Protein backbone atom coordinates (compact mmCIF):
# COMPACT_ATOMS: atom_id res chain seq x y z
CA UNK A 1 40.80 28.48 24.66
CA UNK A 2 41.33 28.41 20.80
CA UNK A 3 39.03 25.42 20.78
CA UNK A 4 35.96 27.03 21.69
CA UNK A 5 37.40 29.86 19.06
CA UNK A 6 37.35 27.80 16.29
CA UNK A 7 33.52 26.71 17.33
CA UNK A 8 32.40 30.21 18.13
CA UNK A 9 34.37 31.07 13.95
CA UNK A 10 31.87 28.33 13.44
CA UNK A 11 28.66 29.63 14.81
CA UNK A 12 29.44 32.64 13.50
CA UNK A 13 28.92 31.34 9.58
CA UNK A 14 26.37 28.59 10.96
CA UNK A 15 24.13 32.11 12.17
CA UNK A 16 24.51 34.03 8.39
CA UNK A 17 23.10 31.04 6.92
CA UNK A 18 20.04 30.54 9.27
CA UNK A 19 19.70 34.44 8.35
CA UNK A 20 19.99 33.24 4.98
CA UNK A 21 17.34 30.72 5.03
CA UNK A 22 15.30 32.35 6.71
CA UNK A 23 14.94 34.90 3.68
CA UNK A 24 14.39 31.87 0.92
CA UNK A 25 11.94 30.11 2.42
CA UNK A 26 8.91 33.23 2.70
CA UNK A 27 8.57 33.45 -0.32
CA UNK A 28 10.53 30.70 -0.82
CA UNK A 29 13.29 30.75 -3.97
CA UNK A 30 13.58 26.74 -4.20
CA UNK A 31 17.08 27.04 -6.12
CA UNK A 32 18.55 28.57 -2.60
CA UNK A 33 16.48 26.73 -0.22
CA UNK A 34 18.16 23.40 -2.19
CA UNK A 35 21.52 25.05 -2.04
CA UNK A 36 21.50 26.18 1.75
CA UNK A 37 19.77 22.98 2.65
CA UNK A 38 22.24 20.40 0.78
CA UNK A 39 25.16 22.96 2.20
CA UNK A 40 23.52 23.05 5.79
CA UNK A 41 23.52 19.03 5.70
CA UNK A 42 27.01 18.69 5.45
CA UNK A 43 28.79 21.45 7.34
CA UNK A 44 26.49 22.05 10.41
CA UNK A 45 25.36 18.48 10.92
CA UNK A 46 28.13 16.66 9.08
CA UNK A 47 31.22 18.81 10.60
CA UNK A 48 30.07 21.07 13.88
CA UNK A 49 28.05 18.82 14.54
CA UNK A 50 30.05 15.46 15.10
CA UNK A 51 32.76 17.80 15.99
CA UNK A 52 30.62 18.17 19.54
CA UNK A 53 29.56 14.86 19.28
CA UNK A 54 32.74 12.96 18.74
CA UNK A 55 36.07 15.98 20.77
CA UNK A 56 34.03 17.79 22.47
CA UNK A 57 31.17 16.39 24.64
CA UNK A 58 33.14 12.98 25.63
CA UNK A 59 36.05 15.52 26.80
CA UNK A 60 33.57 17.64 28.55
CA UNK A 61 31.72 14.34 30.27
CA UNK A 62 35.27 12.79 30.90
CA UNK A 63 35.88 16.06 33.01
CA UNK A 64 32.95 17.59 34.26
CA UNK A 65 31.47 14.32 34.47
CA UNK A 66 27.68 14.99 35.98
CA UNK A 67 28.20 18.55 36.54
CA UNK A 68 27.13 19.47 33.05
CA UNK A 69 25.97 16.29 32.06
CA UNK A 70 22.33 17.00 31.86
CA UNK A 71 23.37 20.18 30.00
CA UNK A 72 25.29 17.85 27.06
CA UNK A 73 22.27 15.36 26.80
CA UNK A 74 20.08 18.15 25.99
CA UNK A 75 22.59 19.97 23.27
CA UNK A 76 22.54 16.42 21.73
CA UNK A 77 18.98 15.83 21.74
CA UNK A 78 18.94 19.42 19.84
CA UNK A 79 21.28 17.56 17.59
CA UNK A 80 19.16 15.08 16.55
CA UNK A 81 16.18 17.55 16.46
CA UNK A 82 18.00 19.71 13.94
CA UNK A 83 18.56 16.53 11.88
CA UNK A 84 15.41 15.61 11.86
CA UNK A 85 13.85 18.87 10.89
CA UNK A 86 15.90 19.49 8.36
CA UNK A 87 15.17 15.76 6.71
CA UNK A 88 11.76 16.73 6.49
CA UNK A 89 12.57 20.01 5.03
CA UNK A 90 15.47 17.96 2.26
CA UNK A 91 11.99 15.32 1.78
CA UNK A 92 9.31 18.22 1.46
CA UNK A 93 11.70 20.55 -0.80
CA UNK A 94 10.84 18.49 -4.77
CA UNK A 95 6.92 18.50 -4.63
CA UNK A 96 6.86 21.82 -2.86
CA UNK A 97 8.85 23.05 -6.27
CA UNK A 98 6.36 21.43 -8.18
CA UNK A 99 3.61 23.03 -6.52
CA UNK A 100 2.26 20.14 -3.81
CA UNK A 101 0.40 22.53 -0.82
CA UNK A 102 1.11 20.11 2.04
CA UNK A 103 4.70 19.41 0.67
CA UNK A 104 5.08 23.50 0.88
CA UNK A 105 3.68 23.90 3.75
CA UNK A 106 6.02 20.97 5.42
CA UNK A 107 8.89 22.76 3.66
CA UNK A 108 8.05 26.12 5.38
CA UNK A 109 7.41 24.78 8.84
CA UNK A 110 10.37 22.32 8.89
CA UNK A 111 12.50 25.10 7.52
CA UNK A 112 11.21 27.54 10.27
CA UNK A 113 11.46 25.19 13.12
CA UNK A 114 14.84 24.00 12.08
CA UNK A 115 16.37 28.29 12.40
CA UNK A 116 14.47 29.10 14.94
CA UNK A 117 15.99 25.57 16.98
CA UNK A 118 19.70 26.22 15.74
CA UNK A 119 19.47 29.97 16.51
CA UNK A 120 19.06 29.28 20.08
CA UNK A 121 21.06 26.14 20.16
CA UNK A 122 24.06 27.70 19.01
CA UNK A 123 23.08 30.86 22.00
CA UNK A 124 23.29 28.68 24.83
CA UNK A 125 26.37 27.44 23.78
CA UNK A 126 28.06 30.33 23.37
CA UNK A 127 26.49 32.15 26.13
CA UNK A 128 26.15 29.15 28.99
CA UNK A 129 27.89 25.89 27.99
CA UNK A 130 31.14 27.43 26.64
CA UNK A 131 32.47 29.89 29.03
CA UNK A 132 31.81 27.46 31.78
CA UNK A 133 33.73 24.95 29.77
CA UNK A 134 36.59 26.58 29.57
CA UNK A 135 36.99 28.06 33.25
CA UNK A 136 36.86 24.35 34.34
CA UNK A 137 39.13 22.67 31.41
CA UNK A 138 42.79 23.21 31.73
CA UNK A 139 45.10 24.51 29.27
CA UNK A 140 46.99 22.16 28.66
CA UNK A 141 43.86 20.37 27.19
CA UNK A 142 43.23 23.14 24.92
CA UNK A 143 45.88 22.02 22.41
CA UNK A 144 44.82 18.01 22.49
CA UNK A 145 41.55 19.88 21.48
CA UNK A 146 41.97 21.59 18.96
CA UNK A 147 44.40 19.19 17.06
CA UNK A 148 40.68 16.65 17.99
CA UNK A 149 38.68 18.61 16.15
CA UNK A 150 41.15 19.74 12.92
CA UNK A 151 40.88 16.23 12.49
CA UNK A 152 37.19 15.38 12.37
CA UNK A 153 37.44 18.99 9.52
CA UNK A 154 40.40 16.63 7.71
CA UNK A 155 38.18 13.29 7.60
CA UNK A 156 35.52 14.78 6.20
CA UNK A 157 36.78 16.88 3.74
CA UNK A 158 34.61 19.32 4.74
CA UNK A 159 36.76 23.14 3.78
CA UNK A 160 34.95 22.42 0.28
CA UNK A 161 31.67 23.09 2.23
CA UNK A 162 32.43 25.34 4.99
CA UNK A 163 34.03 27.59 2.01
CA UNK A 164 30.23 27.05 -0.39
CA UNK A 165 28.70 28.07 2.81
CA UNK A 166 30.94 31.56 3.31
CA UNK A 167 30.56 32.28 -0.25
CA UNK A 168 26.75 31.62 -0.32
CA UNK A 169 25.92 33.46 2.32
CA UNK A 170 27.51 36.51 1.12
CA UNK A 171 26.45 36.60 -2.22
CA UNK A 172 23.18 38.43 -3.42
CA UNK A 173 19.61 37.07 -2.79
CA UNK A 174 17.87 35.56 -5.59
CA UNK A 175 14.54 36.45 -6.60
CA UNK A 176 11.22 34.40 -5.22
CA UNK A 177 9.95 31.54 -7.95
CA UNK A 178 6.62 30.52 -8.76
CA UNK A 179 6.38 26.53 -7.99
CA UNK A 180 5.07 24.93 -10.70
CA UNK A 181 1.74 23.11 -11.48
CA UNK A 182 1.24 20.16 -9.55
CA UNK A 183 2.33 17.34 -10.98
CA UNK A 184 -0.67 14.86 -9.93
CA UNK A 185 -4.10 14.89 -8.84
CA UNK A 186 -4.66 15.22 -5.05
CA UNK A 187 -7.95 13.73 -3.71
CA UNK A 188 -8.50 16.81 -1.92
CA UNK A 189 -9.95 18.52 -5.15
CA UNK A 190 -12.04 15.94 -6.24
CA UNK A 191 -14.45 17.06 -3.88
CA UNK A 192 -16.66 19.91 -1.44
CA UNK A 193 -18.57 16.78 0.50
CA UNK A 194 -17.31 17.13 3.92
CA UNK A 195 -18.11 13.37 5.12
CA UNK A 196 -15.48 12.41 1.81
CA UNK A 197 -12.21 11.75 2.05
CA UNK A 198 -9.64 14.55 1.76
CA UNK A 199 -6.72 12.21 1.48
CA UNK A 200 -3.42 13.11 -0.73
CA UNK A 201 -3.49 10.31 -3.88
CA UNK A 202 -2.51 7.00 -2.99
CA UNK A 203 -0.50 6.70 -6.13
CA UNK A 204 1.90 9.15 -4.01
CA UNK A 205 1.80 7.72 -0.65
CA UNK A 206 4.71 7.12 1.28
CA UNK A 207 5.85 7.82 4.51
CA UNK A 208 5.72 11.12 5.60
CA UNK A 209 2.40 11.75 4.04
CA UNK A 210 -0.70 12.20 5.59
CA UNK A 211 -3.70 9.35 4.90
CA UNK A 212 -6.63 11.50 5.88
CA UNK A 213 -6.22 15.47 6.07
CA UNK A 214 -9.53 17.29 5.78
CA UNK A 215 -8.12 20.59 7.22
CA UNK A 216 -9.05 19.87 11.08
CA UNK A 217 -8.48 15.92 11.28
CA UNK A 218 -5.33 14.63 9.67
CA UNK A 219 -3.56 10.65 10.22
CA UNK A 220 0.24 11.02 9.41
CA UNK A 221 2.30 8.50 8.77
CA UNK A 222 5.58 9.35 9.94
CA UNK A 223 8.64 8.80 8.67
CA UNK A 224 10.26 5.68 8.71
CA UNK A 225 13.60 6.39 10.99
CA UNK A 226 14.25 3.09 11.60
CA UNK A 227 17.90 1.60 10.92
CA UNK A 228 20.56 -1.14 10.68
CA UNK A 229 19.02 -3.86 12.59
CA UNK A 230 16.31 -2.67 14.14
CA UNK A 231 12.77 -4.21 12.79
CA UNK A 232 11.00 -1.97 10.28
CA UNK A 233 8.08 0.28 12.34
CA UNK A 234 5.79 2.14 11.05
CA UNK A 235 4.45 5.40 13.36
CA UNK A 236 1.43 7.25 12.67
CA UNK A 237 0.05 10.26 14.21
CA UNK A 238 -3.71 11.66 14.09
CA UNK A 239 -4.34 15.77 15.14
CA UNK A 240 -7.37 16.42 15.39
CA UNK A 241 -7.83 20.56 15.76
CA UNK A 242 -4.74 21.19 17.58
CA UNK A 243 -4.67 18.08 19.60
CA UNK A 244 -2.61 14.88 19.09
CA UNK A 245 -2.21 11.13 20.15
CA UNK A 246 0.47 9.59 18.52
CA UNK A 247 0.69 5.49 18.33
CA UNK A 248 3.01 2.79 19.23
CA UNK A 249 6.00 5.86 18.88
CA UNK A 250 8.68 3.32 18.89
CA UNK A 251 12.15 2.81 21.04
CA UNK A 252 15.19 5.61 21.99
CA UNK A 253 17.15 5.01 18.78
CA UNK A 254 13.91 6.28 17.03
CA UNK A 255 12.85 8.85 19.94
CA UNK A 256 14.39 12.16 18.71
CA UNK A 257 13.27 11.91 14.83
CA UNK A 258 9.52 10.67 15.92
CA UNK A 259 9.52 13.05 18.69
CA UNK A 260 10.81 16.28 16.92
CA UNK A 261 8.59 15.35 13.83
CA UNK A 262 5.60 14.50 15.62
CA UNK A 263 6.27 18.59 17.39
CA UNK A 264 6.37 19.64 13.64
CA UNK A 265 3.33 18.26 12.62
CA UNK A 266 1.67 19.60 15.73
CA UNK A 267 2.57 23.39 15.73
CA UNK A 268 1.57 25.00 17.72
CA UNK A 269 -1.34 21.70 19.27
CA UNK A 270 -0.51 19.44 21.79
CA UNK A 271 0.17 16.53 22.24
CA UNK A 272 -2.84 14.66 24.58
CA UNK A 273 -2.22 11.11 24.06
CA UNK A 274 0.50 8.21 23.13
CA UNK A 275 -1.47 5.14 22.86
CA UNK A 276 0.90 1.65 23.18
CA UNK A 277 -1.00 -1.39 21.35
CA UNK A 278 0.86 -3.69 23.31
CA UNK A 279 4.12 -3.94 25.00
CA UNK A 280 7.33 -5.03 22.73
CA UNK A 281 10.12 -3.35 22.59
CA UNK A 282 9.38 -1.45 19.32
CA UNK A 283 6.73 -0.88 20.19
CA UNK A 284 6.96 1.88 23.43
CA UNK A 285 10.61 1.94 24.82
CA UNK A 286 10.94 5.95 24.80
CA UNK A 287 7.94 6.12 26.45
CA UNK A 288 9.78 8.16 29.64
CA UNK A 289 11.43 10.45 27.74
CA UNK A 290 7.99 10.94 25.74
CA UNK A 291 6.17 11.55 29.47
CA UNK A 292 9.22 13.83 30.56
CA UNK A 293 9.04 15.81 27.38
CA UNK A 294 5.27 16.32 26.68
CA UNK A 295 2.08 16.37 29.21
CA UNK A 296 0.31 13.42 27.22
CA UNK A 297 -0.66 10.32 29.29
CA UNK A 298 -0.21 7.00 27.79
CA UNK A 299 -2.81 4.32 27.49
CA UNK A 300 -1.81 0.52 27.32
CA UNK A 301 -3.62 -2.59 28.05
CA UNK A 302 -3.64 -3.32 31.81
CA UNK A 303 -2.41 -5.98 31.44
CA UNK A 304 1.39 -3.71 31.16
CA UNK A 305 0.63 -1.31 33.50
CA UNK A 306 3.26 -3.09 35.62
CA UNK A 307 5.73 -3.85 33.19
CA UNK A 308 7.09 -1.33 31.60
CA UNK A 309 8.19 0.89 34.67
CA UNK A 310 10.76 -1.95 33.61
CA UNK A 311 11.48 -0.02 30.49
CA UNK A 312 12.66 3.17 32.94
CA UNK A 313 9.76 5.07 33.48
CA UNK A 314 10.19 7.72 35.93
CA UNK A 315 7.87 6.86 39.14
CA UNK A 316 6.79 10.64 39.08
CA UNK A 317 5.41 9.96 35.84
CA UNK A 318 3.96 6.75 36.41
CA UNK A 319 0.04 8.07 37.33
CA UNK A 320 -0.10 9.19 33.89
CA UNK A 321 0.36 5.45 32.61
CA UNK A 322 -3.73 4.38 31.98
CA UNK A 323 -4.81 1.08 31.70
CA UNK A 324 -7.42 -0.10 28.90
CA UNK A 325 -9.43 -2.25 29.57
CA UNK A 326 -10.05 -6.02 28.32
CA UNK A 327 -13.02 -4.59 26.35
CA UNK A 328 -11.65 -1.60 25.18
CA UNK A 329 -12.85 2.35 25.64
CA UNK A 330 -13.61 4.84 23.77
CA UNK A 331 -10.76 7.96 24.01
CA UNK A 332 -11.83 11.74 23.60
CA UNK A 333 -8.94 13.77 20.98
CA UNK A 334 -10.54 17.42 21.41
CA UNK A 335 -13.89 16.66 20.39
CA UNK A 336 -13.58 14.07 18.22
CA UNK A 337 -13.60 9.95 19.82
CA UNK A 338 -11.04 7.02 18.44
CA UNK A 339 -11.89 3.67 19.36
CA UNK A 340 -9.72 1.25 21.11
CA UNK A 341 -10.57 -2.07 19.91
CA UNK A 342 -9.75 -5.19 21.56
CA UNK A 343 -7.14 -7.51 19.46
CA UNK A 344 -6.43 -9.80 22.20
CA UNK A 345 -3.20 -12.76 21.09
CA UNK A 346 -2.81 -10.89 17.71
CA UNK A 347 0.32 -11.57 18.87
CA UNK A 348 0.64 -10.33 22.51
CA UNK A 349 -2.43 -11.44 25.45
CA UNK A 350 -3.14 -7.69 26.41
CA UNK A 351 -3.68 -6.35 23.13
CA UNK A 352 -5.23 -3.44 21.08
CA UNK A 353 -5.72 -1.27 17.40
CA UNK A 354 -7.12 2.22 17.32
CA UNK A 355 -10.41 2.86 14.71
CA UNK A 356 -10.15 6.88 13.83
CA UNK A 357 -14.27 7.01 12.67
CA UNK A 358 -13.10 10.43 11.03
CA UNK A 359 -10.64 9.31 8.67
CA UNK A 360 -12.14 5.04 8.50
CA UNK A 361 -8.73 4.33 9.17
CA UNK A 362 -8.00 1.33 11.08
CA UNK A 363 -4.40 1.74 12.81
CA UNK A 364 -4.23 -2.91 13.32
CA UNK A 365 -0.73 -3.54 15.32
CA UNK A 366 1.00 -6.22 14.20
CA UNK A 367 -2.55 -7.61 12.19
CA UNK A 368 -1.78 -6.67 8.62
CA UNK A 369 2.38 -6.32 8.87
CA UNK A 370 4.08 -6.93 6.16
CA UNK A 371 8.26 -7.48 5.64
CA UNK A 372 10.44 -7.85 2.88
CA UNK A 373 8.11 -5.16 0.45
CA UNK A 374 9.38 -1.34 -0.46
CA UNK A 375 5.92 -0.53 -2.09
CA UNK A 376 3.56 1.99 0.77
CA UNK A 377 0.47 0.48 -0.35
CA UNK A 378 -0.52 -2.84 -1.25
CA UNK A 379 -1.08 -2.70 -5.14
CA UNK A 380 -1.53 -6.44 -5.48
CA UNK A 381 -3.52 -8.89 -2.63
CA UNK A 382 -2.42 -12.26 -4.24
CA UNK A 383 1.39 -11.27 -4.30
CA UNK A 384 1.49 -9.12 -1.40
CA UNK A 385 -0.28 -12.32 0.80
CA UNK A 386 3.54 -14.11 0.57
CA UNK A 387 4.86 -10.67 2.46
CA UNK A 388 2.35 -11.28 5.33
CA UNK A 389 2.34 -14.93 5.97
CA UNK A 390 5.45 -16.06 7.72
CA UNK A 391 4.91 -12.81 9.87
CA UNK A 392 1.59 -13.87 11.40
CA UNK A 393 1.95 -18.03 11.02
CA UNK A 394 4.54 -17.66 13.82
CA UNK A 395 3.61 -14.52 15.50
CA UNK A 396 -0.24 -14.49 15.47
CA UNK A 397 -0.84 -16.67 18.88
CA UNK A 398 -4.10 -19.57 16.95
CA UNK A 399 -5.77 -18.62 13.79
CA UNK A 400 -9.06 -18.63 16.77
CA UNK A 401 -7.96 -15.07 17.49
CA UNK A 402 -7.35 -13.98 13.93
CA UNK A 403 -10.71 -14.91 13.18
CA UNK A 404 -12.79 -13.53 15.80
CA UNK A 405 -10.88 -10.44 15.39
CA UNK A 406 -11.47 -10.55 12.20
CA UNK A 407 -15.40 -10.91 12.17
CA UNK A 408 -15.32 -8.27 14.93
CA UNK A 409 -13.51 -5.52 12.64
CA UNK A 410 -16.00 -5.78 9.97
CA UNK A 411 -18.48 -4.36 12.26
CA UNK A 412 -16.42 -1.61 11.70
CA UNK A 413 -16.64 1.23 8.48
CA UNK A 414 -12.49 0.62 7.50
CA UNK A 415 -11.27 1.99 4.30
CA UNK A 416 -7.80 1.95 5.20
CA UNK A 417 -5.52 -0.72 7.19
CA UNK A 418 -2.38 1.00 8.75
CA UNK A 419 -0.48 -1.55 10.02
CA UNK A 420 2.45 -1.22 12.67
CA UNK A 421 4.98 -3.09 9.47
CA UNK A 422 5.24 -2.80 6.20
CA UNK A 423 2.51 -1.43 3.65
CA UNK A 424 -0.82 0.11 4.08
CA UNK A 425 -3.88 -1.67 2.27
CA UNK A 426 -6.63 0.70 0.46
CA UNK A 427 -10.28 1.06 -0.26
CA UNK A 428 -12.41 -1.31 0.96
CA UNK A 429 -12.11 -4.23 -2.09
CA UNK A 430 -8.63 -3.96 -0.73
CA UNK A 431 -9.42 -4.31 2.81
CA UNK A 432 -12.69 -6.76 2.72
CA UNK A 433 -9.83 -9.06 1.10
CA UNK A 434 -7.38 -8.60 4.21
CA UNK A 435 -10.21 -9.89 6.26
CA UNK A 436 -11.59 -13.34 3.92
CA UNK A 437 -7.73 -13.75 4.40
CA UNK A 438 -7.64 -13.58 8.38
CA UNK A 439 -10.61 -15.73 8.65
CA UNK A 440 -9.27 -18.55 6.85
CA UNK A 441 -5.18 -18.32 8.21
CA UNK A 442 -4.08 -21.23 9.82
CA UNK A 443 -1.66 -19.39 12.36
CA UNK A 444 0.25 -20.23 15.44
CA UNK A 445 -0.29 -23.69 17.39
CA UNK A 446 -2.40 -24.31 14.42
CA UNK A 447 0.72 -24.60 12.00
CA UNK A 448 3.68 -25.98 14.23
CA UNK A 449 2.46 -28.45 16.69
CA UNK A 450 5.89 -29.59 17.43
CA UNK A 451 6.61 -26.59 19.04
CA UNK A 452 5.94 -27.95 21.91
CA UNK A 453 7.58 -30.93 21.84
CA UNK A 454 11.13 -32.31 24.05
CA UNK A 455 11.58 -35.14 21.82
CA UNK A 456 14.48 -33.35 19.91
CA UNK A 457 16.30 -32.25 23.30
CA UNK A 458 15.29 -35.24 25.34
CA UNK A 459 17.34 -36.67 22.66
CA UNK A 460 20.36 -34.91 22.20
CA UNK A 461 23.45 -35.40 23.08
């Protein structure tokens, strides 16, 4: 069928571009990498995959239904993962070209994963999916499919991108480039003491960076993959010597991106644990997918173990959902320990935070959440209060719970507070100011006792 010949011809160009990218990343030729990533994003993600998702896959689903449902779901998921790897490479490229070693490693790893994933993906389509579908579809559908594929490319005005990519892969390869000297001080160079923090300079911190990294143990702030109406949410990954735990991984819309970046950061390691601070949809409605696609065990308050299956957890996976007792627990990650700290009624009645003694980071869930600020790090605590106050007053049940939590949290050696929403609080002075603020904040029923009155309803006409 001609429609599949169109897609196969595009696969030939894509394979050539992947070969060229593989040559460009080791040793790196940054200008070449930038051109390739730009054109791959425009043509592979923006055109080729759109043709499959908007035209081919819906037709196949309509005609073949359950016969290829699993295969199409796998292909679509690989599209999402490829986009996540490509975005990670694009984000890392500028700092890698400036000489940042962590960005260089991320660029290399994300581009390498992208090449391997897309190469295997197009092979599966050419060798398995396309021949099967060609045999099943009627010949009279071919003309319609060809026209629809052409319409997608015309709507996207993509002919120039195809030609530019074809010209690039045929041109002589450039010489590798030496990276520039780093343009900022990396705190990892400031001390060789093993007990000291080894962390990317916080003036450069943003989502996608490491909050802590000593070469064995790291805390990664994953990129913000939220979009649209969904509340902004931070996802974090703790890695120790090849063992990983993802914290509050979010819902199904962000799952492909969060999963892809988690696997990228783990490399040859494995995901051991999935931590859910409480039961909200922004916390873990993607849990079934995580349990299906990894061997990790999930941990949540004992109050929610029988509620989370309503998110669609397969009964064969329920044995890997473990209850956290009310008093908390210590969880092993390789030979490191993580402390699951009680934070009940903040705002959930069964709520926990994670304290990492190695990095001295307290992952505080909704405590410390802020809204309406674009700065990844709190610079001015007094100015930042207005971004936290409304959320805490409305979402925290009572100031008594917040005060009890603050008194208990002071017993931990905390240098950084990383909430699930908004900016991160860095440094002991900032952390102590936040504890002071929590101990003196009325919230919930302290502020709005009128929320319990029925007078307005009784008098309504």
